[in-house]
Amino acid sequence: MVAVGQPVDDSLFIVADRLIENGRVGEITDVVGTVAVKPLTSRRFTPVATHTLLWPGDWLRTDARGANAARVPLTSGAELVLGPEPPR
């Protein structure tokens, strides 16, 4: 049942401290070389550029060889630096 004209409790609309209103989890701020993203609803990886927004379920990858990397500040305050595994 829906009440019309009744006051609504504002606490029902409070957003948590670490949650962004649009639902994103991060943004790619720096890209070197080949970096690709596969959104949750896609079957293919697509090359990314700076300022690409990342959403829950997105996959990121770089080529295994060469200078390929991405910097991704996350909305939680952590920072992800993605790149190939260093030689052993």
N, C-alpha and C. Protein backbone atom coordinates (compact mmCIF):
# COMPACT_ATOMS: atom_id res chain seq x y z
N MET A 1 0.84 -1.16 0.00
CA MET A 1 0.00 0.00 0.00
C MET A 1 0.89 1.24 0.00
N VAL A 2 0.53 2.23 -0.75
CA VAL A 2 1.28 3.48 -0.86
C VAL A 2 0.48 4.59 -0.21
N ALA A 3 1.17 5.35 0.64
CA ALA A 3 0.51 6.49 1.29
C ALA A 3 0.82 7.75 0.51
N VAL A 4 -0.18 8.48 0.16
CA VAL A 4 -0.01 9.72 -0.60
C VAL A 4 -0.11 10.90 0.35
N GLY A 5 0.83 11.84 0.21
CA GLY A 5 0.79 13.04 1.03
C GLY A 5 1.33 12.85 2.43
N GLN A 6 1.94 11.71 2.72
CA GLN A 6 2.49 11.44 4.04
C GLN A 6 3.98 11.80 4.06
N PRO A 7 4.51 12.28 5.18
CA PRO A 7 5.94 12.58 5.25
C PRO A 7 6.76 11.29 5.13
N VAL A 8 7.93 11.42 4.50
CA VAL A 8 8.82 10.28 4.31
C VAL A 8 10.06 10.48 5.17
N ASP A 9 10.46 9.43 5.87
CA ASP A 9 11.64 9.48 6.73
C ASP A 9 12.90 9.67 5.89
N ASP A 10 13.65 10.76 6.12
CA ASP A 10 14.86 11.06 5.35
C ASP A 10 15.95 10.01 5.52
N SER A 11 15.95 9.26 6.61
CA SER A 11 16.99 8.25 6.83
C SER A 11 16.92 7.12 5.80
N LEU A 12 15.81 6.98 5.13
CA LEU A 12 15.69 5.95 4.09
C LEU A 12 16.52 6.27 2.85
N PHE A 13 16.96 7.53 2.74
CA PHE A 13 17.68 7.96 1.54
C PHE A 13 19.14 8.32 1.80
N ILE A 14 19.68 7.92 2.94
CA ILE A 14 21.07 8.21 3.27
C ILE A 14 21.97 7.24 2.51
N VAL A 15 22.99 7.80 1.85
CA VAL A 15 23.95 6.99 1.10
C VAL A 15 25.16 6.76 1.99
N ALA A 16 25.66 5.53 2.00
CA ALA A 16 26.82 5.19 2.82
C ALA A 16 28.03 6.02 2.43
N ASP A 17 28.98 6.17 3.36
CA ASP A 17 30.16 7.00 3.13
C ASP A 17 30.98 6.56 1.92
N ARG A 18 31.09 5.28 1.66
CA ARG A 18 31.96 4.77 0.61
C ARG A 18 31.22 4.45 -0.69
N LEU A 19 29.96 4.71 -0.76
CA LEU A 19 29.18 4.40 -1.96
C LEU A 19 28.98 5.66 -2.78
N ILE A 20 29.26 5.58 -4.06
CA ILE A 20 29.06 6.70 -4.97
C ILE A 20 27.64 6.58 -5.53
N GLU A 21 26.98 7.71 -5.69
CA GLU A 21 25.58 7.70 -6.10
C GLU A 21 25.34 6.97 -7.42
N ASN A 22 26.29 7.07 -8.37
CA ASN A 22 26.05 6.44 -9.67
C ASN A 22 26.50 4.98 -9.70
N GLY A 23 27.05 4.44 -8.62
CA GLY A 23 27.37 3.02 -8.53
C GLY A 23 28.74 2.62 -9.02
N ARG A 24 29.53 3.56 -9.52
CA ARG A 24 30.85 3.18 -10.04
C ARG A 24 31.78 2.78 -8.91
N VAL A 25 32.82 1.99 -9.26
CA VAL A 25 33.79 1.56 -8.25
C VAL A 25 35.13 2.24 -8.41
N GLY A 26 35.36 2.89 -9.55
CA GLY A 26 36.62 3.58 -9.76
C GLY A 26 36.66 4.25 -11.12
N GLU A 27 37.80 4.91 -11.38
CA GLU A 27 38.00 5.61 -12.65
C GLU A 27 39.46 5.46 -13.05
N ILE A 28 39.70 5.09 -14.28
CA ILE A 28 41.07 4.96 -14.77
C ILE A 28 41.63 6.36 -14.97
N THR A 29 42.71 6.67 -14.25
CA THR A 29 43.26 8.02 -14.34
C THR A 29 44.54 8.10 -15.16
N ASP A 30 45.18 6.96 -15.41
CA ASP A 30 46.42 6.97 -16.17
C ASP A 30 46.55 5.65 -16.92
N VAL A 31 46.88 5.71 -18.20
CA VAL A 31 47.03 4.51 -19.03
C VAL A 31 48.33 4.62 -19.81
N VAL A 32 49.10 3.53 -19.81
CA VAL A 32 50.31 3.43 -20.62
C VAL A 32 50.21 2.12 -21.40
N GLY A 33 50.38 2.18 -22.70
CA GLY A 33 50.34 0.96 -23.51
C GLY A 33 48.93 0.46 -23.72
N THR A 34 48.80 -0.86 -23.76
CA THR A 34 47.52 -1.50 -24.06
C THR A 34 46.84 -1.98 -22.79
N VAL A 35 45.69 -1.38 -22.49
CA VAL A 35 44.86 -1.76 -21.35
C VAL A 35 43.44 -1.91 -21.87
N ALA A 36 42.75 -2.95 -21.42
CA ALA A 36 41.40 -3.20 -21.92
C ALA A 36 40.45 -3.51 -20.76
N VAL A 37 39.18 -3.24 -20.98
CA VAL A 37 38.14 -3.52 -19.99
C VAL A 37 37.06 -4.39 -20.65
N LYS A 38 36.51 -5.31 -19.85
CA LYS A 38 35.37 -6.11 -20.29
C LYS A 38 34.25 -5.87 -19.28
N PRO A 39 33.26 -5.08 -19.67
CA PRO A 39 32.14 -4.85 -18.76
C PRO A 39 31.40 -6.15 -18.45
N LEU A 40 30.72 -6.15 -17.34
CA LEU A 40 29.99 -7.34 -16.89
C LEU A 40 29.03 -7.87 -17.95
N THR A 41 28.42 -6.98 -18.70
CA THR A 41 27.41 -7.38 -19.67
C THR A 41 27.97 -7.63 -21.07
N SER A 42 29.29 -7.62 -21.20
CA SER A 42 29.91 -7.77 -22.52
C SER A 42 30.68 -9.08 -22.61
N ARG A 43 30.93 -9.52 -23.84
CA ARG A 43 31.73 -10.73 -24.05
C ARG A 43 33.12 -10.39 -24.55
N ARG A 44 33.39 -9.13 -24.86
CA ARG A 44 34.67 -8.73 -25.43
C ARG A 44 35.35 -7.67 -24.58
N PHE A 45 36.68 -7.69 -24.66
CA PHE A 45 37.47 -6.63 -24.05
C PHE A 45 37.55 -5.46 -25.04
N THR A 46 37.54 -4.25 -24.50
CA THR A 46 37.61 -3.02 -25.30
C THR A 46 38.74 -2.16 -24.76
N PRO A 47 39.56 -1.57 -25.63
CA PRO A 47 40.62 -0.68 -25.14
C PRO A 47 40.05 0.48 -24.33
N VAL A 48 40.80 0.90 -23.32
CA VAL A 48 40.34 1.99 -22.46
C VAL A 48 41.20 3.23 -22.67
N ALA A 49 40.71 4.33 -22.18
CA ALA A 49 41.43 5.60 -22.16
C ALA A 49 41.32 6.16 -20.75
N THR A 50 42.03 7.25 -20.51
CA THR A 50 41.90 7.87 -19.19
C THR A 50 40.47 8.36 -18.99
N HIS A 51 40.07 8.42 -17.76
CA HIS A 51 38.73 8.85 -17.33
C HIS A 51 37.64 7.85 -17.69
N THR A 52 38.02 6.60 -17.97
CA THR A 52 37.03 5.54 -18.15
C THR A 52 36.51 5.14 -16.77
N LEU A 53 35.20 5.12 -16.60
CA LEU A 53 34.62 4.73 -15.33
C LEU A 53 34.52 3.22 -15.25
N LEU A 54 34.74 2.68 -14.07
CA LEU A 54 34.64 1.24 -13.84
C LEU A 54 33.45 0.96 -12.95
N TRP A 55 32.76 -0.11 -13.27
CA TRP A 55 31.53 -0.49 -12.57
C TRP A 55 31.71 -1.86 -11.94
N PRO A 56 30.91 -2.22 -10.96
CA PRO A 56 31.03 -3.55 -10.35
C PRO A 56 30.95 -4.65 -11.42
N GLY A 57 31.88 -5.59 -11.36
CA GLY A 57 31.90 -6.70 -12.30
C GLY A 57 32.79 -6.50 -13.51
N ASP A 58 33.30 -5.28 -13.73
CA ASP A 58 34.20 -5.04 -14.87
C ASP A 58 35.52 -5.78 -14.67
N TRP A 59 36.08 -6.28 -15.76
CA TRP A 59 37.39 -6.93 -15.76
C TRP A 59 38.37 -6.02 -16.47
N LEU A 60 39.57 -5.88 -15.91
CA LEU A 60 40.65 -5.12 -16.55
C LEU A 60 41.78 -6.06 -16.90
N ARG A 61 42.48 -5.76 -17.99
CA ARG A 61 43.67 -6.55 -18.32
C ARG A 61 44.65 -5.70 -19.11
N THR A 62 45.92 -6.11 -19.04
CA THR A 62 46.97 -5.50 -19.84
C THR A 62 47.63 -6.60 -20.65
N ASP A 63 48.36 -6.21 -21.69
CA ASP A 63 49.16 -7.20 -22.40
C ASP A 63 50.28 -7.66 -21.49
N ALA A 64 50.66 -8.92 -21.63
CA ALA A 64 51.68 -9.49 -20.75
C ALA A 64 53.08 -8.98 -21.06
N ARG A 65 53.30 -8.52 -22.27
CA ARG A 65 54.63 -8.04 -22.66
C ARG A 65 54.59 -6.55 -22.93
N GLY A 66 55.65 -5.89 -22.56
CA GLY A 66 55.76 -4.46 -22.85
C GLY A 66 55.34 -3.60 -21.67
N ALA A 67 55.43 -2.31 -21.90
CA ALA A 67 55.10 -1.33 -20.86
C ALA A 67 53.62 -1.01 -20.93
N ASN A 68 52.82 -1.81 -20.29
CA ASN A 68 51.37 -1.64 -20.27
C ASN A 68 50.92 -1.55 -18.82
N ALA A 69 50.23 -0.48 -18.48
CA ALA A 69 49.81 -0.31 -17.09
C ALA A 69 48.64 0.66 -17.02
N ALA A 70 47.94 0.60 -15.90
CA ALA A 70 46.83 1.52 -15.63
C ALA A 70 46.80 1.84 -14.15
N ARG A 71 46.43 3.05 -13.83
CA ARG A 71 46.24 3.48 -12.44
C ARG A 71 44.75 3.72 -12.24
N VAL A 72 44.21 3.10 -11.19
CA VAL A 72 42.77 3.18 -10.93
C VAL A 72 42.52 3.52 -9.47
N PRO A 73 42.25 4.78 -9.14
CA PRO A 73 41.80 5.09 -7.79
C PRO A 73 40.38 4.54 -7.60
N LEU A 74 40.17 3.80 -6.53
CA LEU A 74 38.87 3.22 -6.26
C LEU A 74 38.07 4.13 -5.34
N THR A 75 36.77 4.01 -5.38
CA THR A 75 35.92 4.86 -4.55
C THR A 75 36.11 4.57 -3.06
N SER A 76 36.67 3.42 -2.72
CA SER A 76 36.92 3.08 -1.31
C SER A 76 38.10 3.84 -0.74
N GLY A 77 38.88 4.50 -1.63
CA GLY A 77 40.06 5.21 -1.18
C GLY A 77 41.34 4.46 -1.52
N ALA A 78 41.23 3.20 -1.87
CA ALA A 78 42.40 2.41 -2.28
C ALA A 78 42.77 2.76 -3.72
N GLU A 79 43.99 2.40 -4.11
CA GLU A 79 44.42 2.64 -5.49
C GLU A 79 44.94 1.34 -6.08
N LEU A 80 44.48 1.02 -7.27
CA LEU A 80 44.90 -0.17 -7.99
C LEU A 80 45.85 0.26 -9.10
N VAL A 81 47.03 -0.38 -9.15
CA VAL A 81 47.96 -0.17 -10.25
C VAL A 81 48.07 -1.51 -10.96
N LEU A 82 47.63 -1.54 -12.19
CA LEU A 82 47.55 -2.78 -12.96
C LEU A 82 48.64 -2.79 -14.01
N GLY A 83 49.36 -3.90 -14.11
CA GLY A 83 50.41 -4.01 -15.11
C GLY A 83 50.88 -5.45 -15.21
N PRO A 84 51.80 -5.72 -16.13
CA PRO A 84 52.30 -7.08 -16.27
C PRO A 84 53.13 -7.48 -15.06
N GLU A 85 53.24 -8.77 -14.85
CA GLU A 85 54.03 -9.28 -13.74
C GLU A 85 55.51 -8.98 -14.01
N PRO A 86 56.23 -8.47 -13.01
CA PRO A 86 57.64 -8.18 -13.24
C PRO A 86 58.44 -9.46 -13.44
N PRO A 87 59.55 -9.38 -14.19
CA PRO A 87 60.36 -10.59 -14.40
C PRO A 87 60.93 -11.09 -13.09
N ARG A 88 61.12 -12.39 -13.01
CA ARG A 88 61.64 -13.00 -11.77
C ARG A 88 63.11 -13.26 -11.87
